[in-house]
């Protein structure tokens, strides 16, 4: 397995990883990895979007991931499994909220 990498390479890997696991819950879920501005070379923020709905919502803190931790552990299967579970749970919540919104409309 692999670990390490520069900030941009790890950001691309993280975006692919999050997208892959979110789409296992619904192919309509999109992943957003925030990696610019104050975060650059320090951390990543992860959000999921489904239509106009986003989790965590704008204004709330995203799922925070430290660059050094992602870089060091992206080849660690146990770490990846834990992150995948967090992403999939977030995706399920997002899908559930969308269903509730459609029922009440």
C-alpha atoms as a PDB file:
ATOM      1  CA  UNK A   1       0.000   0.000   0.000  1.00  0.00           C
ATOM      2  CA  UNK A   2       0.991   3.616  -0.296  1.00  0.00           C
ATOM      3  CA  UNK A   3       1.314   6.528   2.065  1.00  0.00           C
ATOM      4  CA  UNK A   4       2.900   9.941   1.901  1.00  0.00           C
ATOM      5  CA  UNK A   5       2.634  12.374  -0.980  1.00  0.00           C
ATOM      6  CA  UNK A   6       2.425  16.119  -1.376  1.00  0.00           C
ATOM      7  CA  UNK A   7      -0.648  18.115  -0.425  1.00  0.00           C
ATOM      8  CA  UNK A   8      -2.194  18.137  -3.917  1.00  0.00           C
ATOM      9  CA  UNK A   9      -1.633  14.431  -4.505  1.00  0.00           C
ATOM     10  CA  UNK A  10      -3.173  13.532  -1.139  1.00  0.00           C
ATOM     11  CA  UNK A  11      -6.123  15.881  -1.851  1.00  0.00           C
ATOM     12  CA  UNK A  12      -6.796  14.071  -5.154  1.00  0.00           C
ATOM     13  CA  UNK A  13      -6.583  10.696  -3.447  1.00  0.00           C
ATOM     14  CA  UNK A  14      -8.936  11.873  -0.682  1.00  0.00           C
ATOM     15  CA  UNK A  15     -11.470  13.243  -3.195  1.00  0.00           C
ATOM     16  CA  UNK A  16     -11.475   9.926  -5.062  1.00  0.00           C
ATOM     17  CA  UNK A  17     -11.768   7.944  -1.827  1.00  0.00           C
ATOM     18  CA  UNK A  18     -14.640  10.034  -0.459  1.00  0.00           C
ATOM     19  CA  UNK A  19     -16.445  10.039  -3.809  1.00  0.00           C
ATOM     20  CA  UNK A  20     -16.136   6.276  -4.137  1.00  0.00           C
ATOM     21  CA  UNK A  21     -17.586   5.566  -0.709  1.00  0.00           C
ATOM     22  CA  UNK A  22     -20.337   8.204  -0.877  1.00  0.00           C
ATOM     23  CA  UNK A  23     -21.520   6.904  -4.243  1.00  0.00           C
ATOM     24  CA  UNK A  24     -21.884   3.415  -2.767  1.00  0.00           C
ATOM     25  CA  UNK A  25     -24.866   4.844  -0.910  1.00  0.00           C
ATOM     26  CA  UNK A  26     -26.243   6.742  -3.923  1.00  0.00           C
ATOM     27  CA  UNK A  27     -24.656   7.580  -7.273  1.00  0.00           C
ATOM     28  CA  UNK A  28     -26.196  11.056  -6.972  1.00  0.00           C
ATOM     29  CA  UNK A  29     -24.120  12.038  -3.924  1.00  0.00           C
ATOM     30  CA  UNK A  30     -21.177  14.326  -4.716  1.00  0.00           C
ATOM     31  CA  UNK A  31     -18.057  14.757  -2.595  1.00  0.00           C
ATOM     32  CA  UNK A  32     -16.497  18.133  -1.895  1.00  0.00           C
ATOM     33  CA  UNK A  33     -12.964  18.301  -0.517  1.00  0.00           C
ATOM     34  CA  UNK A  34     -12.024  21.773   0.690  1.00  0.00           C
ATOM     35  CA  UNK A  35      -8.284  22.228   0.337  1.00  0.00           C
ATOM     36  CA  UNK A  36      -7.615  25.882  -0.408  1.00  0.00           C
ATOM     37  CA  UNK A  37      -7.079  29.083   1.537  1.00  0.00           C
ATOM     38  CA  UNK A  38      -6.205  28.691   5.214  1.00  0.00           C
ATOM     39  CA  UNK A  39      -6.325  24.899   4.853  1.00  0.00           C
ATOM     40  CA  UNK A  40      -3.598  24.656   2.230  1.00  0.00           C
ATOM     41  CA  UNK A  41      -0.813  22.292   3.317  1.00  0.00           C
ATOM     42  CA  UNK A  42      -2.506  21.785   6.700  1.00  0.00           C
ATOM     43  CA  UNK A  43      -5.871  20.076   6.452  1.00  0.00           C
ATOM     44  CA  UNK A  44      -8.901  19.115   4.365  1.00  0.00           C
ATOM     45  CA  UNK A  45     -12.591  19.694   4.914  1.00  0.00           C
ATOM     46  CA  UNK A  46     -15.034  17.131   3.548  1.00  0.00           C
ATOM     47  CA  UNK A  47     -18.699  17.707   2.728  1.00  0.00           C
ATOM     48  CA  UNK A  48     -21.230  15.748   0.718  1.00  0.00           C
ATOM     49  CA  UNK A  49     -23.869  17.258  -1.567  1.00  0.00           C
ATOM     50  CA  UNK A  50     -27.104  15.845  -2.897  1.00  0.00           C
ATOM     51  CA  UNK A  51     -29.009  18.319  -5.057  1.00  0.00           C
ATOM     52  CA  UNK A  52     -29.178  21.571  -3.095  1.00  0.00           C
ATOM     53  CA  UNK A  53     -28.643  19.855   0.260  1.00  0.00           C
ATOM     54  CA  UNK A  54     -25.169  19.620   1.799  1.00  0.00           C
ATOM     55  CA  UNK A  55     -23.813  17.866   4.902  1.00  0.00           C
ATOM     56  CA  UNK A  56     -22.352  19.284   6.976  1.00  0.00           C
ATOM     57  CA  UNK A  57     -24.259  22.378   5.834  1.00  0.00           C
ATOM     58  CA  UNK A  58     -22.501  25.621   4.851  1.00  0.00           C
ATOM     59  CA  UNK A  59     -21.630  27.542   7.977  1.00  0.00           C
ATOM     60  CA  UNK A  60     -21.080  24.331   9.981  1.00  0.00           C
ATOM     61  CA  UNK A  61     -17.660  22.768  10.294  1.00  0.00           C
ATOM     62  CA  UNK A  62     -16.947  20.122   7.657  1.00  0.00           C
ATOM     63  CA  UNK A  63     -15.529  16.702   8.435  1.00  0.00           C
ATOM     64  CA  UNK A  64     -11.983  17.817   9.327  1.00  0.00           C
ATOM     65  CA  UNK A  65      -8.977  15.760   8.281  1.00  0.00           C
ATOM     66  CA  UNK A  66      -5.381  16.679   9.036  1.00  0.00           C
ATOM     67  CA  UNK A  67      -3.077  16.564   5.997  1.00  0.00           C
ATOM     68  CA  UNK A  68      -0.285  14.782   7.880  1.00  0.00           C
ATOM     69  CA  UNK A  69      -2.692  12.132   9.184  1.00  0.00           C
ATOM     70  CA  UNK A  70      -4.265  11.482   5.766  1.00  0.00           C
ATOM     71  CA  UNK A  71      -0.844  11.366   4.140  1.00  0.00           C
ATOM     72  CA  UNK A  72       0.562   8.965   6.725  1.00  0.00           C
ATOM     73  CA  UNK A  73      -2.479   6.669   6.938  1.00  0.00           C
ATOM     74  CA  UNK A  74      -3.957   6.535   3.454  1.00  0.00           C
ATOM     75  CA  UNK A  75      -2.340   3.141   2.946  1.00  0.00           C
ATOM     76  CA  UNK A  76      -3.602   1.809   6.300  1.00  0.00           C
ATOM     77  CA  UNK A  77      -6.606  -0.469   5.737  1.00  0.00           C
ATOM     78  CA  UNK A  78      -8.056  -0.024   9.232  1.00  0.00           C
ATOM     79  CA  UNK A  79      -7.790   3.774   9.008  1.00  0.00           C
ATOM     80  CA  UNK A  80      -9.361   3.728   5.532  1.00  0.00           C
ATOM     81  CA  UNK A  81     -12.184   1.503   6.727  1.00  0.00           C
ATOM     82  CA  UNK A  82     -12.963   3.891   9.588  1.00  0.00           C
ATOM     83  CA  UNK A  83     -13.005   6.884   7.226  1.00  0.00           C
ATOM     84  CA  UNK A  84     -15.158   4.987   4.719  1.00  0.00           C
ATOM     85  CA  UNK A  85     -17.699   4.239   7.480  1.00  0.00           C
ATOM     86  CA  UNK A  86     -17.826   7.932   8.455  1.00  0.00           C
ATOM     87  CA  UNK A  87     -18.345   9.008   4.834  1.00  0.00           C
ATOM     88  CA  UNK A  88     -21.024   6.395   4.173  1.00  0.00           C
ATOM     89  CA  UNK A  89     -22.901   7.349   7.362  1.00  0.00           C
ATOM     90  CA  UNK A  90     -22.840  10.996   6.284  1.00  0.00           C
ATOM     91  CA  UNK A  91     -24.137   9.978   2.850  1.00  0.00           C
ATOM     92  CA  UNK A  92     -26.967   7.925   4.414  1.00  0.00           C
ATOM     93  CA  UNK A  93     -27.970  10.907   6.570  1.00  0.00           C
ATOM     94  CA  UNK A  94     -27.977  13.162   3.518  1.00  0.00           C
ATOM     95  CA  UNK A  95     -30.122  10.716   1.527  1.00  0.00           C
ATOM     96  CA  UNK A  96     -32.515  10.359   4.457  1.00  0.00           C
ATOM     97  CA  UNK A  97     -32.903  14.125   4.762  1.00  0.00           C
ATOM     98  CA  UNK A  98     -33.611  14.411   1.053  1.00  0.00           C
ATOM     99  CA  UNK A  99     -36.291  11.689   1.264  1.00  0.00           C
ATOM    100  CA  UNK A 100     -37.935  13.416   4.220  1.00  0.00           C
ATOM    101  CA  UNK A 101     -37.945  16.721   2.332  1.00  0.00           C
ATOM    102  CA  UNK A 102     -39.611  15.121  -0.703  1.00  0.00           C
ATOM    103  CA  UNK A 103     -42.270  13.410   1.470  1.00  0.00           C
ATOM    104  CA  UNK A 104     -43.200  16.630   3.221  1.00  0.00           C
ATOM    105  CA  UNK A 105     -43.375  18.684   0.023  1.00  0.00           C
END
